[in-house]
Amino acid sequence: MAATSVRPGSRGDPGTTVAVVTGAARGLGAGLAAHFADLGYRLGLCAREVPTTPPGSDPVVVAADVADAEAVDALAEAVVARFGRIDLWVNNAGVLGPVGALADVAPGDLSRHLATNVLGMMHGSAAFARHVRRRPGGGALVNLSSGAARTPYRGWAAYCASKAAVEMLTEVVGLEERVSGLRAYAVSPGVVDTGMQAEVRAAPESVFPDGERFRRLHRDGSLASPGWVARCIVERCVDPATRLEPDPGRGAVVFRVPDPPGSSGGAPVPSWT
């Protein structure tokens, strides 16, 4: 995968990609931000707690809950005020819990889950769509999905349902905003080596009967790195030479990140054709 390493320059530098990553304080979001910084992207980062600045970058950093539409809009405005535009918006913020049989889950926990995983994706998608409408050049919306969107897991009723909603949301936004040049992608990152996966492995069988699959992947060394996921997003969603364009009959490209060779994240990203 070819990439040009550049450092942030003047406001609105057309040679620099501007990317927003939500949920960037830890895990996959922090890994995405670090990889984008290595490529010289200008960054807008948010999480409920202030994200750490990746080395070599000077991002817009905001403490914001994606369930708050006004906070997400303020993030978008701050990034545009600083850098002139946004080219890539990655809705990564999400939660796993509550874990357990639906009949045993507290309704308030379900509401909080959906506020982050579904409304949060809606707020980010809407903010980016409004921005793309206002300026030329299009842009890439990446909504992080999961294999749980299509595979039912006992104990993950909320998570499976929210990720299924994310994929349909992305399709609809892609159809609605195609005329503005917005390209929509629903990306399932695979099983990534993050704190969330540690939480999955630690869940007792009584609340998550299907957890052994994830413990086995960890034992086998089959987890992907956040950097591998970031590299695949750049190639498949951003790079004009290799990115996939949504099919005219559908609103979005929906794909799963391939397993990394050796699960090290060090091998070249394959070209998708």
Protein backbone atom coordinates (compact mmCIF):
# COMPACT_ATOMS: atom_id res chain seq x y z
CA MET A 1 0.00 0.00 0.00
CA ALA A 2 1.47 3.33 -1.04
CA ALA A 3 1.18 6.22 1.37
CA THR A 4 2.69 9.69 1.46
CA SER A 5 3.95 10.75 4.86
CA VAL A 6 3.36 14.47 5.40
CA ARG A 7 3.22 16.70 8.43
CA PRO A 8 0.43 19.20 9.04
CA GLY A 9 1.01 22.47 7.23
CA SER A 10 -1.15 25.49 6.56
CA ARG A 11 -4.88 25.56 7.22
CA GLY A 12 -6.79 23.71 4.53
CA ASP A 13 -3.69 22.23 2.85
CA PRO A 14 -5.25 20.26 -0.05
CA GLY A 15 -2.50 17.64 0.12
CA THR A 16 -3.39 16.55 3.63
CA THR A 17 -6.30 14.26 4.52
CA VAL A 18 -8.39 15.42 7.46
CA ALA A 19 -9.93 12.59 9.50
CA VAL A 20 -12.28 12.48 12.48
CA VAL A 21 -12.22 9.44 14.76
CA THR A 22 -14.76 9.02 17.55
CA GLY A 23 -14.07 6.85 20.56
CA ALA A 24 -10.36 7.63 20.18
CA ALA A 25 -9.28 7.41 23.81
CA ARG A 26 -8.34 3.72 23.74
CA GLY A 27 -8.54 0.46 21.85
CA LEU A 28 -9.30 0.47 18.16
CA GLY A 29 -10.03 4.20 18.05
CA ALA A 30 -6.66 5.09 19.54
CA GLY A 31 -4.97 2.69 17.12
CA LEU A 32 -6.73 4.23 14.14
CA ALA A 33 -5.72 7.71 15.27
CA ALA A 34 -2.08 6.68 15.70
CA HIS A 35 -1.91 5.11 12.23
CA PHE A 36 -3.58 8.09 10.58
CA ALA A 37 -1.12 10.39 12.36
CA ASP A 38 1.77 8.33 10.98
CA LEU A 39 0.40 9.00 7.49
CA GLY A 40 0.37 12.72 8.17
CA TYR A 41 -3.41 13.03 8.42
CA ARG A 42 -4.78 15.97 10.32
CA LEU A 43 -7.03 14.69 13.07
CA GLY A 44 -10.16 15.50 15.01
CA LEU A 45 -10.51 13.12 17.96
CA CYS A 46 -13.20 12.67 20.55
CA ALA A 47 -14.18 10.36 23.38
CA ARG A 48 -16.00 10.69 26.67
CA GLU A 49 -12.60 11.42 28.19
CA VAL A 50 -10.02 13.54 26.38
CA PRO A 51 -8.07 11.29 23.97
CA THR A 52 -4.28 11.15 24.08
CA THR A 53 -2.56 13.01 21.25
CA PRO A 54 -0.76 10.57 18.91
CA PRO A 55 2.98 11.28 18.58
CA GLY A 56 3.85 13.71 15.81
CA SER A 57 0.34 15.12 15.47
CA ASP A 58 -1.47 18.26 16.55
CA PRO A 59 -5.14 17.25 16.51
CA VAL A 60 -8.37 18.87 17.53
CA VAL A 61 -9.15 16.93 20.71
CA VAL A 62 -12.57 17.07 22.35
CA ALA A 63 -14.19 15.32 25.29
CA ALA A 64 -17.62 14.49 23.90
CA ASP A 65 -20.29 11.83 24.27
CA VAL A 66 -21.47 10.79 20.81
CA ALA A 67 -24.96 10.29 22.24
CA ASP A 68 -25.09 14.11 22.46
CA ALA A 69 -25.85 15.42 18.96
CA GLU A 70 -24.82 18.97 19.83
CA ALA A 71 -21.43 17.77 21.07
CA VAL A 72 -20.84 15.87 17.81
CA ASP A 73 -21.82 18.90 15.75
CA ALA A 74 -19.43 21.02 17.82
CA LEU A 75 -16.63 18.55 17.10
CA ALA A 76 -17.26 18.82 13.37
CA GLU A 77 -17.33 22.61 13.53
CA ALA A 78 -14.08 22.73 15.50
CA VAL A 79 -12.27 20.48 13.01
CA VAL A 80 -13.51 22.50 10.02
CA ALA A 81 -12.57 25.77 11.74
CA ARG A 82 -9.05 24.46 12.31
CA PHE A 83 -8.34 22.52 9.11
CA GLY A 84 -10.88 23.82 6.58
CA ARG A 85 -12.59 20.50 5.78
CA ILE A 86 -13.13 16.86 6.78
CA ASP A 87 -12.33 14.10 4.27
CA LEU A 88 -12.81 10.98 6.39
CA TRP A 89 -15.18 10.45 9.31
CA VAL A 90 -14.82 7.22 11.30
CA ASN A 91 -17.66 6.46 13.70
CA ASN A 92 -15.81 4.09 16.02
CA ALA A 93 -17.27 4.90 19.44
CA GLY A 94 -19.24 1.99 20.82
CA VAL A 95 -19.87 -0.15 23.87
CA LEU A 96 -20.28 -3.89 24.34
CA GLY A 97 -22.50 -4.15 27.40
CA PRO A 98 -24.95 -4.98 28.74
CA VAL A 99 -23.99 -8.63 28.38
CA GLY A 100 -26.48 -11.30 29.34
CA ALA A 101 -29.79 -12.76 28.28
CA LEU A 102 -32.15 -10.04 27.10
CA ALA A 103 -34.77 -11.05 29.66
CA ASP A 104 -32.26 -10.36 32.44
CA VAL A 105 -30.95 -6.99 31.22
CA ALA A 106 -32.08 -3.74 32.83
CA PRO A 107 -34.04 -1.49 30.44
CA GLY A 108 -31.91 1.51 31.36
CA ASP A 109 -28.76 -0.34 30.33
CA LEU A 110 -30.33 -1.12 26.96
CA SER A 111 -31.21 2.54 26.44
CA ARG A 112 -27.69 3.68 27.21
CA HIS A 113 -26.25 1.07 24.85
CA LEU A 114 -28.46 2.13 21.96
CA ALA A 115 -27.78 5.82 22.65
CA THR A 116 -24.08 5.21 22.04
CA ASN A 117 -24.04 2.47 19.41
CA VAL A 118 -26.96 3.58 17.26
CA LEU A 119 -27.76 7.24 17.99
CA GLY A 120 -24.05 8.00 18.23
CA MET A 121 -23.52 6.60 14.74
CA MET A 122 -26.50 8.58 13.49
CA HIS A 123 -25.22 11.83 14.97
CA GLY A 124 -21.75 11.38 13.48
CA SER A 125 -23.11 10.34 10.09
CA ALA A 126 -25.47 13.30 10.01
CA ALA A 127 -22.80 15.81 11.02
CA PHE A 128 -20.44 14.56 8.31
CA ALA A 129 -23.18 14.45 5.68
CA ARG A 130 -24.09 18.08 6.36
CA HIS A 131 -20.44 19.03 6.02
CA VAL A 132 -19.98 17.19 2.71
CA ARG A 133 -23.08 18.88 1.32
CA ARG A 134 -21.52 22.29 1.94
CA ARG A 135 -18.26 21.81 0.03
CA PRO A 136 -16.97 20.09 -3.12
CA GLY A 137 -14.94 16.92 -3.28
CA GLY A 138 -16.98 14.25 -1.51
CA GLY A 139 -15.67 12.23 1.40
CA ALA A 140 -15.64 8.84 3.12
CA LEU A 141 -17.94 7.88 5.97
CA VAL A 142 -16.76 4.75 7.80
CA ASN A 143 -19.11 3.24 10.38
CA LEU A 144 -17.56 0.44 12.44
CA SER A 145 -19.78 -2.62 12.43
CA SER A 146 -19.11 -6.18 13.63
CA GLY A 147 -19.60 -9.80 12.67
CA ALA A 148 -22.26 -9.66 15.38
CA ALA A 149 -24.41 -7.68 12.94
CA ARG A 150 -25.07 -10.95 11.11
CA THR A 151 -24.17 -13.70 13.58
CA PRO A 152 -26.35 -14.09 16.70
CA TYR A 153 -24.47 -14.54 19.98
CA ARG A 154 -26.26 -15.52 23.18
CA GLY A 155 -25.83 -12.72 25.67
CA TRP A 156 -25.25 -10.03 23.06
CA ALA A 157 -28.81 -9.07 22.14
CA ALA A 158 -28.07 -5.35 22.42
CA TYR A 159 -24.72 -5.51 20.66
CA CYS A 160 -25.92 -7.71 17.79
CA ALA A 161 -29.00 -5.55 17.26
CA SER A 162 -27.06 -2.28 17.37
CA LYS A 163 -24.46 -3.45 14.86
CA ALA A 164 -27.16 -4.72 12.50
CA ALA A 165 -28.72 -1.27 12.75
CA VAL A 166 -25.36 0.33 11.93
CA GLU A 167 -25.11 -1.56 8.64
CA MET A 168 -28.59 -0.54 7.48
CA LEU A 169 -28.03 3.02 8.67
CA THR A 170 -24.88 3.20 6.55
CA GLU A 171 -26.73 1.90 3.49
CA VAL A 172 -29.45 4.52 3.87
CA VAL A 173 -27.07 7.43 4.43
CA GLY A 174 -25.05 6.34 1.42
CA LEU A 175 -28.14 6.42 -0.77
CA GLU A 176 -29.30 9.76 0.61
CA GLU A 177 -25.95 11.50 0.27
CA ARG A 178 -24.53 10.00 -2.92
CA VAL A 179 -25.41 13.12 -4.89
CA SER A 180 -23.06 15.10 -2.60
CA GLY A 181 -20.19 12.70 -3.21
CA LEU A 182 -20.32 10.96 0.16
CA ARG A 183 -19.06 7.35 0.01
CA ALA A 184 -20.41 5.18 2.81
CA TYR A 185 -18.68 2.11 4.25
CA ALA A 186 -19.81 -0.27 7.00
CA VAL A 187 -16.63 -1.99 8.15
CA SER A 188 -16.45 -5.05 10.37
CA PRO A 189 -12.90 -4.98 11.77
CA GLY A 190 -12.75 -8.64 12.76
CA VAL A 191 -11.51 -9.71 16.18
CA VAL A 192 -9.09 -6.99 17.22
CA ASP A 193 -6.66 -7.11 20.14
CA THR A 194 -8.20 -4.42 22.36
CA GLY A 195 -9.52 -3.97 25.87
CA MET A 196 -13.01 -4.78 24.63
CA GLN A 197 -11.80 -8.20 23.55
CA ALA A 198 -10.29 -8.75 27.00
CA GLU A 199 -13.71 -7.93 28.41
CA VAL A 200 -15.30 -10.46 26.07
CA ARG A 201 -12.89 -13.21 27.13
CA ALA A 202 -13.45 -12.47 30.81
CA ALA A 203 -17.25 -12.74 30.62
CA PRO A 204 -18.50 -15.82 32.52
CA GLU A 205 -20.28 -18.51 30.55
CA SER A 206 -23.43 -17.85 32.55
CA VAL A 207 -23.88 -14.47 30.83
CA PHE A 208 -22.00 -15.08 27.57
CA PRO A 209 -22.24 -18.77 26.59
CA ASP A 210 -20.46 -18.20 23.26
CA GLY A 211 -17.29 -16.72 24.73
CA GLU A 212 -15.06 -19.74 24.11
CA ARG A 213 -14.76 -18.83 20.43
CA PHE A 214 -13.03 -15.57 21.35
CA ARG A 215 -10.81 -17.16 23.99
CA ARG A 216 -9.67 -19.70 21.41
CA LEU A 217 -8.80 -16.98 18.90
CA HIS A 218 -6.72 -15.28 21.57
CA ARG A 219 -4.92 -18.51 22.47
CA ASP A 220 -4.21 -19.14 18.78
CA GLY A 221 -2.75 -15.67 18.28
CA SER A 222 -5.39 -14.88 15.68
CA LEU A 223 -6.31 -11.36 16.76
CA ALA A 224 -5.79 -8.43 14.42
CA SER A 225 -4.02 -5.25 15.48
CA PRO A 226 -5.66 -1.80 15.34
CA GLY A 227 -2.93 -0.76 12.91
CA TRP A 228 -3.90 -3.54 10.50
CA VAL A 229 -7.52 -2.37 10.55
CA ALA A 230 -6.44 1.22 9.94
CA ARG A 231 -4.30 0.23 6.95
CA CYS A 232 -7.20 -1.67 5.42
CA ILE A 233 -9.54 1.29 5.89
CA VAL A 234 -7.08 3.59 4.15
CA GLU A 235 -6.69 1.27 1.18
CA ARG A 236 -10.31 0.25 0.79
CA CYS A 237 -12.12 3.46 1.75
CA VAL A 238 -9.74 6.39 1.21
CA ASP A 239 -6.91 5.86 -1.29
CA PRO A 240 -8.23 6.90 -4.74
CA ALA A 241 -6.06 4.27 -6.41
CA THR A 242 -7.48 1.30 -4.49
CA ARG A 243 -10.69 2.30 -2.74
CA LEU A 244 -13.98 0.59 -3.45
CA GLU A 245 -16.88 2.62 -4.79
CA PRO A 246 -20.40 1.82 -3.58
CA ASP A 247 -22.46 -0.16 -6.07
CA PRO A 248 -25.15 2.03 -7.71
CA GLY A 249 -27.80 -0.41 -6.52
CA ARG A 250 -26.76 -0.12 -2.88
CA GLY A 251 -25.99 2.72 -0.55
CA ALA A 252 -22.76 1.45 0.97
CA VAL A 253 -19.82 -0.90 0.70
CA VAL A 254 -20.15 -3.42 3.53
CA PHE A 255 -17.06 -5.50 4.20
CA ARG A 256 -15.03 -7.35 6.81
CA VAL A 257 -11.36 -6.57 7.25
CA PRO A 258 -9.38 -9.67 6.19
CA ASP A 259 -7.38 -11.59 8.78
CA PRO A 260 -3.76 -10.40 8.80
CA PRO A 261 -1.11 -12.88 7.67
CA GLY A 262 0.40 -14.29 10.83
CA SER A 263 -1.95 -12.01 12.79
CA SER A 264 0.96 -9.64 13.24
CA GLY A 265 -0.32 -6.74 11.15
CA GLY A 266 3.08 -6.45 9.58
CA ALA A 267 2.40 -7.91 6.13
CA PRO A 268 1.34 -5.71 3.20
CA VAL A 269 -2.37 -5.09 2.89
CA PRO A 270 -3.77 -6.98 -0.09
CA SER A 271 -5.24 -5.03 -2.98
CA TRP A 272 -8.99 -5.52 -3.44
CA THR A 273 -10.15 -5.61 -7.02
